[in-house]
Amino acid sequence: MGLRMKFNLVLLLAFLVGLALAAYLTDRILKQNAREEVVQHARIMMESALGARTYTAEHVKPLLTLQMKRQFLPQTVSAYAAGQSFKALRTKFPEYTYKEAALNPTNPNDRATDWEADIINEFRNNAEQKEIVVERDTPTGRMLNLARPLGIYDQGCLTCHGKLEDAPKTMTDIYGVNNGFGWKMQEIIGAQVVTVPMSLPLSRAQKTFNTFMILLGSVFVLLLVLLNILLHFVVIQPVVRIANIANQVSMGQTDAPEYVRPGKDEISSLSQSFSRMRLSLENAMKMLGE
């Protein structure tokens, strides 16, 4: 096996190890960044929904309190306001969803699914838990769900959801009397869940990963070519020439050309040492001949 082959095999092995390590770390970092981007989008949308809830509770509901006695207006419900705000957003981003899932909701459409119920129970069992991030595979792609606990911290909520007999008749006429009652102060009754698609950020991360690996491979190929050129002219070619001259001298060809490589590197030093050894050998042979 020649010097060039050994050199290339060692370099190729080092590259493959480095490439595997770089691929693993780069893929992990890019996907983590994509996930953080999606989580940040979900938090912004969650805050938007909370803003709609707060505005409705503080400014809209007080204005319509008297009218509620004659007709139930969903516009006074904070959850309804948040849902309508998100509904407008979904006209441009249909994959984004917002739901106030509850175990015992007034509106059956808000009833928690199995995985949402698991999140709600987690909030109930761990009071210090303020946020849960869950990734799920769906028919439309991978989704990230950001959930926050939904609790009863305002006495006004119990007007409609406390005792059944205290609930407005206009509300029970619409939603019935079987669900959405018996809530208590400080109780976690559900969870706000924002769902954001991960397909676009993950796709961008994959494209970045592919571009990085192509560039890394291109740099290696360029480096391999340059090092092989350098190896050929600086090491292999001079060594082969010295070896050929040594063979000629060993066969008694005293007219073999001299070769001294100019410079101060190791190959130049080797050629100079070989030239002196050859001269010494020729002088010794002359002395023996005399």
C-alpha atoms as a PDB file:
ATOM      1  CA  MET A   1       0.000   0.000   0.000  1.00  0.00           C
ATOM      2  CA  GLY A   2       1.510   3.298  -1.092  1.00  0.00           C
ATOM      3  CA  LEU A   3       2.002   6.395   1.012  1.00  0.00           C
ATOM      4  CA  ARG A   4      -0.731   8.235  -0.875  1.00  0.00           C
ATOM      5  CA  MET A   5      -3.270   5.463  -0.178  1.00  0.00           C
ATOM      6  CA  LYS A   6      -2.381   5.324   3.523  1.00  0.00           C
ATOM      7  CA  PHE A   7      -2.639   9.093   3.795  1.00  0.00           C
ATOM      8  CA  ASN A   8      -6.041   9.163   2.067  1.00  0.00           C
ATOM      9  CA  LEU A   9      -7.416   6.295   4.163  1.00  0.00           C
ATOM     10  CA  VAL A  10      -6.436   8.017   7.415  1.00  0.00           C
ATOM     11  CA  LEU A  11      -7.884  11.314   6.205  1.00  0.00           C
ATOM     12  CA  LEU A  12     -11.071   9.616   5.026  1.00  0.00           C
ATOM     13  CA  LEU A  13     -11.506   7.856   8.370  1.00  0.00           C
ATOM     14  CA  ALA A  14     -11.022  11.130  10.246  1.00  0.00           C
ATOM     15  CA  PHE A  15     -13.531  12.819   7.949  1.00  0.00           C
ATOM     16  CA  LEU A  16     -16.173  10.120   8.380  1.00  0.00           C
ATOM     17  CA  VAL A  17     -15.876  10.279  12.165  1.00  0.00           C
ATOM     18  CA  GLY A  18     -16.042  14.075  12.104  1.00  0.00           C
ATOM     19  CA  LEU A  19     -18.928  14.030   9.620  1.00  0.00           C
ATOM     20  CA  ALA A  20     -20.945  11.635  11.775  1.00  0.00           C
ATOM     21  CA  LEU A  21     -20.349  13.752  14.877  1.00  0.00           C
ATOM     22  CA  ALA A  22     -21.144  16.987  13.042  1.00  0.00           C
ATOM     23  CA  ALA A  23     -24.310  15.473  11.548  1.00  0.00           C
ATOM     24  CA  TYR A  24     -25.532  14.277  14.940  1.00  0.00           C
ATOM     25  CA  LEU A  25     -24.878  17.572  16.728  1.00  0.00           C
ATOM     26  CA  THR A  26     -26.132  19.755  13.865  1.00  0.00           C
ATOM     27  CA  ASP A  27     -29.340  17.767  13.442  1.00  0.00           C
ATOM     28  CA  ARG A  28     -29.982  17.881  17.170  1.00  0.00           C
ATOM     29  CA  ILE A  29     -29.325  21.630  17.468  1.00  0.00           C
ATOM     30  CA  LEU A  30     -31.396  22.543  14.399  1.00  0.00           C
ATOM     31  CA  LYS A  31     -34.366  20.467  15.516  1.00  0.00           C
ATOM     32  CA  GLN A  32     -34.125  21.913  19.020  1.00  0.00           C
ATOM     33  CA  ASN A  33     -34.086  25.435  17.568  1.00  0.00           C
ATOM     34  CA  ALA A  34     -37.082  24.580  15.368  1.00  0.00           C
ATOM     35  CA  ARG A  35     -38.952  23.283  18.401  1.00  0.00           C
ATOM     36  CA  GLU A  36     -38.135  26.417  20.389  1.00  0.00           C
ATOM     37  CA  GLU A  37     -39.388  28.526  17.485  1.00  0.00           C
ATOM     38  CA  VAL A  38     -42.696  26.660  17.450  1.00  0.00           C
ATOM     39  CA  VAL A  39     -43.033  26.914  21.239  1.00  0.00           C
ATOM     40  CA  GLN A  40     -42.437  30.649  21.015  1.00  0.00           C
ATOM     41  CA  HIS A  41     -45.153  30.987  18.362  1.00  0.00           C
ATOM     42  CA  ALA A  42     -47.524  28.987  20.559  1.00  0.00           C
ATOM     43  CA  ARG A  43     -46.794  31.216  23.558  1.00  0.00           C
ATOM     44  CA  ILE A  44     -47.489  34.351  21.546  1.00  0.00           C
ATOM     45  CA  MET A  45     -50.827  32.923  20.445  1.00  0.00           C
ATOM     46  CA  MET A  46     -51.612  31.837  23.974  1.00  0.00           C
ATOM     47  CA  GLU A  47     -50.984  35.377  25.196  1.00  0.00           C
ATOM     48  CA  SER A  48     -53.215  36.673  22.412  1.00  0.00           C
ATOM     49  CA  ALA A  49     -56.033  34.405  23.607  1.00  0.00           C
ATOM     50  CA  LEU A  50     -55.452  35.496  27.202  1.00  0.00           C
ATOM     51  CA  GLY A  51     -55.638  39.108  26.086  1.00  0.00           C
ATOM     52  CA  ALA A  52     -59.023  38.488  24.485  1.00  0.00           C
ATOM     53  CA  ARG A  53     -60.250  36.745  27.645  1.00  0.00           C
ATOM     54  CA  THR A  54     -59.102  39.569  29.905  1.00  0.00           C
ATOM     55  CA  TYR A  55     -60.598  42.285  27.721  1.00  0.00           C
ATOM     56  CA  THR A  56     -63.937  40.498  27.571  1.00  0.00           C
ATOM     57  CA  ALA A  57     -64.076  39.917  31.318  1.00  0.00           C
ATOM     58  CA  GLU A  58     -63.100  43.484  32.225  1.00  0.00           C
ATOM     59  CA  HIS A  59     -64.792  45.566  29.536  1.00  0.00           C
ATOM     60  CA  VAL A  60     -67.445  43.615  27.639  1.00  0.00           C
ATOM     61  CA  LYS A  61     -69.166  41.539  30.293  1.00  0.00           C
ATOM     62  CA  PRO A  62     -69.940  44.449  32.676  1.00  0.00           C
ATOM     63  CA  LEU A  63     -71.681  46.329  29.862  1.00  0.00           C
ATOM     64  CA  LEU A  64     -73.969  43.403  29.040  1.00  0.00           C
ATOM     65  CA  THR A  65     -74.774  42.155  32.533  1.00  0.00           C
ATOM     66  CA  LEU A  66     -78.344  43.533  32.562  1.00  0.00           C
ATOM     67  CA  GLN A  67     -79.103  42.256  29.089  1.00  0.00           C
ATOM     68  CA  MET A  68     -77.965  38.771  30.131  1.00  0.00           C
ATOM     69  CA  LYS A  69     -81.071  38.514  32.299  1.00  0.00           C
ATOM     70  CA  ARG A  70     -83.235  38.718  29.185  1.00  0.00           C
ATOM     71  CA  GLN A  71     -80.993  36.921  26.685  1.00  0.00           C
ATOM     72  CA  PHE A  72     -77.819  34.883  26.997  1.00  0.00           C
ATOM     73  CA  LEU A  73     -75.011  36.516  24.997  1.00  0.00           C
ATOM     74  CA  PRO A  74     -71.965  34.350  24.348  1.00  0.00           C
ATOM     75  CA  GLN A  75     -69.993  37.543  23.676  1.00  0.00           C
ATOM     76  CA  THR A  76     -69.813  38.020  27.439  1.00  0.00           C
ATOM     77  CA  VAL A  77     -67.984  34.707  27.913  1.00  0.00           C
ATOM     78  CA  SER A  78     -64.193  35.008  27.984  1.00  0.00           C
ATOM     79  CA  ALA A  79     -63.693  31.581  26.427  1.00  0.00           C
ATOM     80  CA  TYR A  80     -65.994  32.513  23.545  1.00  0.00           C
ATOM     81  CA  ALA A  81     -64.049  35.723  22.918  1.00  0.00           C
ATOM     82  CA  ALA A  82     -60.733  33.861  22.867  1.00  0.00           C
ATOM     83  CA  GLY A  83     -62.141  31.257  20.510  1.00  0.00           C
ATOM     84  CA  GLN A  84     -63.527  33.865  18.119  1.00  0.00           C
ATOM     85  CA  SER A  85     -60.222  35.714  18.117  1.00  0.00           C
ATOM     86  CA  PHE A  86     -58.438  32.509  17.177  1.00  0.00           C
ATOM     87  CA  LYS A  87     -61.101  31.714  14.601  1.00  0.00           C
ATOM     88  CA  ALA A  88     -60.159  34.879  12.730  1.00  0.00           C
ATOM     89  CA  LEU A  89     -56.517  33.824  12.819  1.00  0.00           C
ATOM     90  CA  ARG A  90     -57.349  30.408  11.368  1.00  0.00           C
ATOM     91  CA  THR A  91     -58.620  31.962   8.138  1.00  0.00           C
ATOM     92  CA  LYS A  92     -54.934  32.352   7.177  1.00  0.00           C
ATOM     93  CA  PHE A  93     -53.439  29.633   9.357  1.00  0.00           C
ATOM     94  CA  PRO A  94     -55.937  26.759   9.353  1.00  0.00           C
ATOM     95  CA  GLU A  95     -53.558  24.320  11.095  1.00  0.00           C
ATOM     96  CA  TYR A  96     -53.400  26.525  14.201  1.00  0.00           C
ATOM     97  CA  THR A  97     -56.042  25.747  16.812  1.00  0.00           C
ATOM     98  CA  TYR A  98     -57.048  26.971  20.238  1.00  0.00           C
ATOM     99  CA  LYS A  99     -59.255  25.095  22.647  1.00  0.00           C
ATOM    100  CA  GLU A 100     -60.266  25.541  26.246  1.00  0.00           C
ATOM    101  CA  ALA A 101     -60.676  21.878  27.047  1.00  0.00           C
ATOM    102  CA  ALA A 102     -62.554  20.991  30.232  1.00  0.00           C
ATOM    103  CA  LEU A 103     -63.565  17.800  31.976  1.00  0.00           C
ATOM    104  CA  ASN A 104     -67.040  19.138  32.729  1.00  0.00           C
ATOM    105  CA  PRO A 105     -67.730  21.866  30.156  1.00  0.00           C
ATOM    106  CA  THR A 106     -70.940  23.766  29.611  1.00  0.00           C
ATOM    107  CA  ASN A 107     -70.515  23.439  25.851  1.00  0.00           C
ATOM    108  CA  PRO A 108     -70.038  19.785  24.770  1.00  0.00           C
ATOM    109  CA  ASN A 109     -67.649  20.961  22.041  1.00  0.00           C
ATOM    110  CA  ASP A 110     -65.181  21.907  24.773  1.00  0.00           C
ATOM    111  CA  ARG A 111     -65.060  18.441  26.332  1.00  0.00           C
ATOM    112  CA  ALA A 112     -61.492  17.223  26.700  1.00  0.00           C
ATOM    113  CA  THR A 113     -60.242  14.341  24.592  1.00  0.00           C
ATOM    114  CA  ASP A 114     -58.246  11.550  26.218  1.00  0.00           C
ATOM    115  CA  TRP A 115     -54.851  13.209  25.804  1.00  0.00           C
ATOM    116  CA  GLU A 116     -56.252  16.602  26.846  1.00  0.00           C
ATOM    117  CA  ALA A 117     -57.764  14.998  29.941  1.00  0.00           C
ATOM    118  CA  ASP A 118     -54.333  13.601  30.813  1.00  0.00           C
ATOM    119  CA  ILE A 119     -52.895  17.114  30.653  1.00  0.00           C
ATOM    120  CA  ILE A 120     -55.681  18.518  32.841  1.00  0.00           C
ATOM    121  CA  ASN A 121     -55.139  15.800  35.436  1.00  0.00           C
ATOM    122  CA  GLU A 122     -51.420  16.537  35.383  1.00  0.00           C
ATOM    123  CA  PHE A 123     -52.191  20.172  36.212  1.00  0.00           C
ATOM    124  CA  ARG A 124     -54.544  19.047  38.957  1.00  0.00           C
ATOM    125  CA  ASN A 125     -52.006  16.706  40.508  1.00  0.00           C
ATOM    126  CA  ASN A 126     -49.110  19.171  40.267  1.00  0.00           C
ATOM    127  CA  ALA A 127     -50.162  22.639  41.290  1.00  0.00           C
ATOM    128  CA  GLU A 128     -46.703  24.060  40.549  1.00  0.00           C
ATOM    129  CA  GLN A 129     -46.954  22.950  36.914  1.00  0.00           C
ATOM    130  CA  LYS A 130     -47.737  26.059  34.881  1.00  0.00           C
ATOM    131  CA  GLU A 131     -47.107  24.861  31.353  1.00  0.00           C
ATOM    132  CA  ILE A 132     -46.903  21.585  29.443  1.00  0.00           C
ATOM    133  CA  VAL A 133     -45.531  21.099  25.933  1.00  0.00           C
ATOM    134  CA  VAL A 134     -46.563  17.952  24.068  1.00  0.00           C
ATOM    135  CA  GLU A 135     -45.667  16.825  20.547  1.00  0.00           C
ATOM    136  CA  ARG A 136     -48.136  14.622  18.667  1.00  0.00           C
ATOM    137  CA  ASP A 137     -48.264  13.030  15.226  1.00  0.00           C
ATOM    138  CA  THR A 138     -51.521  13.763  13.410  1.00  0.00           C
ATOM    139  CA  PRO A 139     -52.847  12.995   9.904  1.00  0.00           C
ATOM    140  CA  THR A 140     -51.763  16.503   8.846  1.00  0.00           C
ATOM    141  CA  GLY A 141     -48.266  16.187  10.270  1.00  0.00           C
ATOM    142  CA  ARG A 142     -46.441  16.647  13.533  1.00  0.00           C
ATOM    143  CA  MET A 143     -48.050  19.136  15.907  1.00  0.00           C
ATOM    144  CA  LEU A 144     -46.859  20.844  19.047  1.00  0.00           C
ATOM    145  CA  ASN A 145     -49.392  21.468  21.805  1.00  0.00           C
ATOM    146  CA  LEU A 146     -48.807  24.131  24.421  1.00  0.00           C
ATOM    147  CA  ALA A 147     -51.115  23.809  27.427  1.00  0.00           C
ATOM    148  CA  ARG A 148     -51.682  25.989  30.477  1.00  0.00           C
ATOM    149  CA  PRO A 149     -54.010  25.308  33.395  1.00  0.00           C
ATOM    150  CA  LEU A 150     -57.449  26.857  33.392  1.00  0.00           C
ATOM    151  CA  GLY A 151     -58.682  27.484  36.919  1.00  0.00           C
ATOM    152  CA  ILE A 152     -61.395  29.347  38.765  1.00  0.00           C
ATOM    153  CA  TYR A 153     -59.850  32.449  40.326  1.00  0.00           C
ATOM    154  CA  ASP A 154     -62.709  34.921  39.847  1.00  0.00           C
ATOM    155  CA  GLN A 155     -65.880  34.705  41.921  1.00  0.00           C
ATOM    156  CA  GLY A 156     -67.823  35.945  38.921  1.00  0.00           C
ATOM    157  CA  CYS A 157     -67.200  32.642  37.121  1.00  0.00           C
ATOM    158  CA  LEU A 158     -69.264  30.827  39.751  1.00  0.00           C
ATOM    159  CA  THR A 159     -72.306  32.904  38.844  1.00  0.00           C
ATOM    160  CA  CYS A 160     -72.763  30.677  35.815  1.00  0.00           C
ATOM    161  CA  HIS A 161     -70.791  27.587  36.823  1.00  0.00           C
ATOM    162  CA  GLY A 162     -71.279  27.287  40.580  1.00  0.00           C
ATOM    163  CA  LYS A 163     -74.590  26.048  41.838  1.00  0.00           C
ATOM    164  CA  LEU A 164     -77.131  25.085  39.219  1.00  0.00           C
ATOM    165  CA  GLU A 165     -79.873  27.151  40.841  1.00  0.00           C
ATOM    166  CA  ASP A 166     -77.712  30.297  40.586  1.00  0.00           C
ATOM    167  CA  ALA A 167     -77.036  29.918  36.875  1.00  0.00           C
ATOM    168  CA  PRO A 168     -78.846  32.305  34.493  1.00  0.00           C
ATOM    169  CA  LYS A 169     -81.921  30.665  33.028  1.00  0.00           C
ATOM    170  CA  THR A 170     -81.068  32.155  29.654  1.00  0.00           C
ATOM    171  CA  MET A 171     -77.874  30.064  29.691  1.00  0.00           C
ATOM    172  CA  THR A 172     -79.401  26.807  30.898  1.00  0.00           C
ATOM    173  CA  ASP A 173     -82.102  27.102  28.245  1.00  0.00           C
ATOM    174  CA  ILE A 174     -79.321  26.883  25.616  1.00  0.00           C
ATOM    175  CA  TYR A 175     -76.828  24.473  27.159  1.00  0.00           C
ATOM    176  CA  GLY A 176     -79.021  22.476  29.508  1.00  0.00           C
ATOM    177  CA  VAL A 177     -78.459  21.642  33.168  1.00  0.00           C
ATOM    178  CA  ASN A 178     -76.288  18.528  32.965  1.00  0.00           C
ATOM    179  CA  ASN A 179     -72.797  19.974  32.457  1.00  0.00           C
ATOM    180  CA  GLY A 180     -70.692  22.924  33.484  1.00  0.00           C
ATOM    181  CA  PHE A 181     -71.769  23.274  37.107  1.00  0.00           C
ATOM    182  CA  GLY A 182     -70.330  22.552  40.512  1.00  0.00           C
ATOM    183  CA  TRP A 183     -67.062  24.365  39.885  1.00  0.00           C
ATOM    184  CA  LYS A 184     -65.221  25.716  42.913  1.00  0.00           C
ATOM    185  CA  MET A 185     -62.762  28.492  43.604  1.00  0.00           C
ATOM    186  CA  GLN A 186     -59.087  27.585  43.007  1.00  0.00           C
ATOM    187  CA  GLU A 187     -60.149  24.445  41.141  1.00  0.00           C
ATOM    188  CA  ILE A 188     -58.406  23.475  37.888  1.00  0.00           C
ATOM    189  CA  ILE A 189     -61.323  22.737  35.605  1.00  0.00           C
ATOM    190  CA  GLY A 190     -59.536  22.504  32.277  1.00  0.00           C
ATOM    191  CA  ALA A 191     -56.615  23.604  30.160  1.00  0.00           C
ATOM    192  CA  GLN A 192     -55.987  26.140  27.448  1.00  0.00           C
ATOM    193  CA  VAL A 193     -54.415  24.270  24.552  1.00  0.00           C
ATOM    194  CA  VAL A 194     -52.762  25.945  21.571  1.00  0.00           C
ATOM    195  CA  THR A 195     -51.816  23.664  18.682  1.00  0.00           C
ATOM    196  CA  VAL A 196     -49.122  24.797  16.241  1.00  0.00           C
ATOM    197  CA  PRO A 197     -47.798  22.792  13.254  1.00  0.00           C
ATOM    198  CA  MET A 198     -44.125  21.834  13.277  1.00  0.00           C
ATOM    199  CA  SER A 199     -43.894  20.896   9.601  1.00  0.00           C
ATOM    200  CA  LEU A 200     -42.582  24.255   8.325  1.00  0.00           C
ATOM    201  CA  PRO A 201     -39.874  24.837  10.989  1.00  0.00           C
ATOM    202  CA  LEU A 202     -38.767  21.200  10.735  1.00  0.00           C
ATOM    203  CA  SER A 203     -38.654  21.488   6.948  1.00  0.00           C
ATOM    204  CA  ARG A 204     -36.484  24.603   7.209  1.00  0.00           C
ATOM    205  CA  ALA A 205     -34.254  22.837   9.715  1.00  0.00           C
ATOM    206  CA  GLN A 206     -33.881  19.870   7.346  1.00  0.00           C
ATOM    207  CA  LYS A 207     -32.963  22.153   4.439  1.00  0.00           C
ATOM    208  CA  THR A 208     -30.388  23.925   6.594  1.00  0.00           C
ATOM    209  CA  PHE A 209     -29.008  20.562   7.681  1.00  0.00           C
ATOM    210  CA  ASN A 210     -28.737  19.325   4.081  1.00  0.00           C
ATOM    211  CA  THR A 211     -27.035  22.538   2.967  1.00  0.00           C
ATOM    212  CA  PHE A 212     -24.563  22.380   5.853  1.00  0.00           C
ATOM    213  CA  MET A 213     -23.673  18.741   5.157  1.00  0.00           C
ATOM    214  CA  ILE A 214     -23.206  19.435   1.427  1.00  0.00           C
ATOM    215  CA  LEU A 215     -20.923  22.367   2.214  1.00  0.00           C
ATOM    216  CA  LEU A 216     -19.013  20.294   4.751  1.00  0.00           C
ATOM    217  CA  GLY A 217     -18.579  17.466   2.224  1.00  0.00           C
ATOM    218  CA  SER A 218     -17.468  19.960  -0.456  1.00  0.00           C
ATOM    219  CA  VAL A 219     -14.880  21.449   1.878  1.00  0.00           C
ATOM    220  CA  PHE A 220     -13.544  17.972   2.605  1.00  0.00           C
ATOM    221  CA  VAL A 221     -13.271  17.062  -1.099  1.00  0.00           C
ATOM    222  CA  LEU A 222     -11.485  20.348  -1.818  1.00  0.00           C
ATOM    223  CA  LEU A 223      -9.176  19.800   1.140  1.00  0.00           C
ATOM    224  CA  LEU A 224      -8.483  16.216   0.034  1.00  0.00           C
ATOM    225  CA  VAL A 225      -7.574  17.339  -3.485  1.00  0.00           C
ATOM    226  CA  LEU A 226      -5.311  20.138  -2.246  1.00  0.00           C
ATOM    227  CA  LEU A 227      -3.558  17.891   0.264  1.00  0.00           C
ATOM    228  CA  ASN A 228      -3.030  15.200  -2.372  1.00  0.00           C
ATOM    229  CA  ILE A 229      -1.518  17.762  -4.739  1.00  0.00           C
ATOM    230  CA  LEU A 230       0.710  19.026  -1.938  1.00  0.00           C
ATOM    231  CA  LEU A 231       1.634  15.472  -0.958  1.00  0.00           C
ATOM    232  CA  HIS A 232       2.507  14.591  -4.545  1.00  0.00           C
ATOM    233  CA  PHE A 233       4.805  17.536  -5.272  1.00  0.00           C
ATOM    234  CA  VAL A 234       6.291  18.018  -1.815  1.00  0.00           C
ATOM    235  CA  VAL A 235       6.719  14.419  -0.612  1.00  0.00           C
ATOM    236  CA  ILE A 236       5.993  11.637  -3.082  1.00  0.00           C
ATOM    237  CA  GLN A 237       7.660  13.033  -6.206  1.00  0.00           C
ATOM    238  CA  PRO A 238      10.961  13.934  -4.468  1.00  0.00           C
ATOM    239  CA  VAL A 239      11.051  10.637  -2.547  1.00  0.00           C
ATOM    240  CA  VAL A 240      10.420   8.628  -5.733  1.00  0.00           C
ATOM    241  CA  ARG A 241      13.181  10.527  -7.506  1.00  0.00           C
ATOM    242  CA  ILE A 242      15.635   9.943  -4.672  1.00  0.00           C
ATOM    243  CA  ALA A 243      14.640   6.246  -4.601  1.00  0.00           C
ATOM    244  CA  ASN A 244      15.268   5.912  -8.363  1.00  0.00           C
ATOM    245  CA  ILE A 245      18.697   7.536  -8.054  1.00  0.00           C
ATOM    246  CA  ALA A 246      19.496   5.270  -5.094  1.00  0.00           C
ATOM    247  CA  ASN A 247      18.578   2.221  -7.205  1.00  0.00           C
ATOM    248  CA  GLN A 248      20.835   3.373 -10.027  1.00  0.00           C
ATOM    249  CA  VAL A 249      23.736   4.004  -7.670  1.00  0.00           C
ATOM    250  CA  SER A 250      23.249   0.619  -6.027  1.00  0.00           C
ATOM    251  CA  MET A 251      23.521  -0.993  -9.463  1.00  0.00           C
ATOM    252  CA  GLY A 252      26.888   0.689 -10.027  1.00  0.00           C
ATOM    253  CA  GLN A 253      25.690   3.452 -12.328  1.00  0.00           C
ATOM    254  CA  THR A 254      28.051   6.244 -11.272  1.00  0.00           C
ATOM    255  CA  ASP A 255      26.664   8.543 -13.940  1.00  0.00           C
ATOM    256  CA  ALA A 256      23.248   8.733 -12.292  1.00  0.00           C
ATOM    257  CA  PRO A 257      22.106  12.376 -12.060  1.00  0.00           C
ATOM    258  CA  GLU A 258      22.416  14.218  -8.785  1.00  0.00           C
ATOM    259  CA  TYR A 259      19.332  15.556  -7.092  1.00  0.00           C
ATOM    260  CA  VAL A 260      19.294  18.162  -4.353  1.00  0.00           C
ATOM    261  CA  ARG A 261      15.898  19.667  -3.610  1.00  0.00           C
ATOM    262  CA  PRO A 262      16.151  23.336  -2.686  1.00  0.00           C
ATOM    263  CA  GLY A 263      14.533  24.479   0.518  1.00  0.00           C
ATOM    264  CA  LYS A 264      14.724  23.945   4.254  1.00  0.00           C
ATOM    265  CA  ASP A 265      12.066  21.297   4.850  1.00  0.00           C
ATOM    266  CA  GLU A 266      12.632  17.649   5.759  1.00  0.00           C
ATOM    267  CA  ILE A 267      12.552  16.424   2.152  1.00  0.00           C
ATOM    268  CA  SER A 268      15.207  18.980   1.175  1.00  0.00           C
ATOM    269  CA  SER A 269      17.300  17.864   4.129  1.00  0.00           C
ATOM    270  CA  LEU A 270      16.880  14.241   3.044  1.00  0.00           C
ATOM    271  CA  SER A 271      17.991  14.994  -0.529  1.00  0.00           C
ATOM    272  CA  GLN A 272      21.054  16.860   0.715  1.00  0.00           C
ATOM    273  CA  SER A 273      21.973  14.021   3.082  1.00  0.00           C
ATOM    274  CA  PHE A 274      21.535  11.475   0.275  1.00  0.00           C
ATOM    275  CA  SER A 275      23.721  13.552  -2.048  1.00  0.00           C
ATOM    276  CA  ARG A 276      26.502  13.705   0.557  1.00  0.00           C
ATOM    277  CA  MET A 277      26.189   9.965   1.203  1.00  0.00           C
ATOM    278  CA  ARG A 278      26.446   9.270  -2.516  1.00  0.00           C
ATOM    279  CA  LEU A 279      29.520  11.473  -2.829  1.00  0.00           C
ATOM    280  CA  SER A 280      31.124   9.734   0.134  1.00  0.00           C
ATOM    281  CA  LEU A 281      30.307   6.356  -1.391  1.00  0.00           C
ATOM    282  CA  GLU A 282      31.839   7.303  -4.722  1.00  0.00           C
ATOM    283  CA  ASN A 283      35.002   8.577  -3.021  1.00  0.00           C
ATOM    284  CA  ALA A 284      35.246   5.344  -1.015  1.00  0.00           C
ATOM    285  CA  MET A 285      34.868   3.270  -4.175  1.00  0.00           C
ATOM    286  CA  LYS A 286      37.613   5.287  -5.915  1.00  0.00           C
ATOM    287  CA  MET A 287      39.921   4.793  -2.958  1.00  0.00           C
ATOM    288  CA  LEU A 288      39.308   1.036  -3.038  1.00  0.00           C
ATOM    289  CA  GLY A 289      39.975   0.973  -6.758  1.00  0.00           C
ATOM    290  CA  GLU A 290      43.317   2.617  -6.340  1.00  0.00           C
END
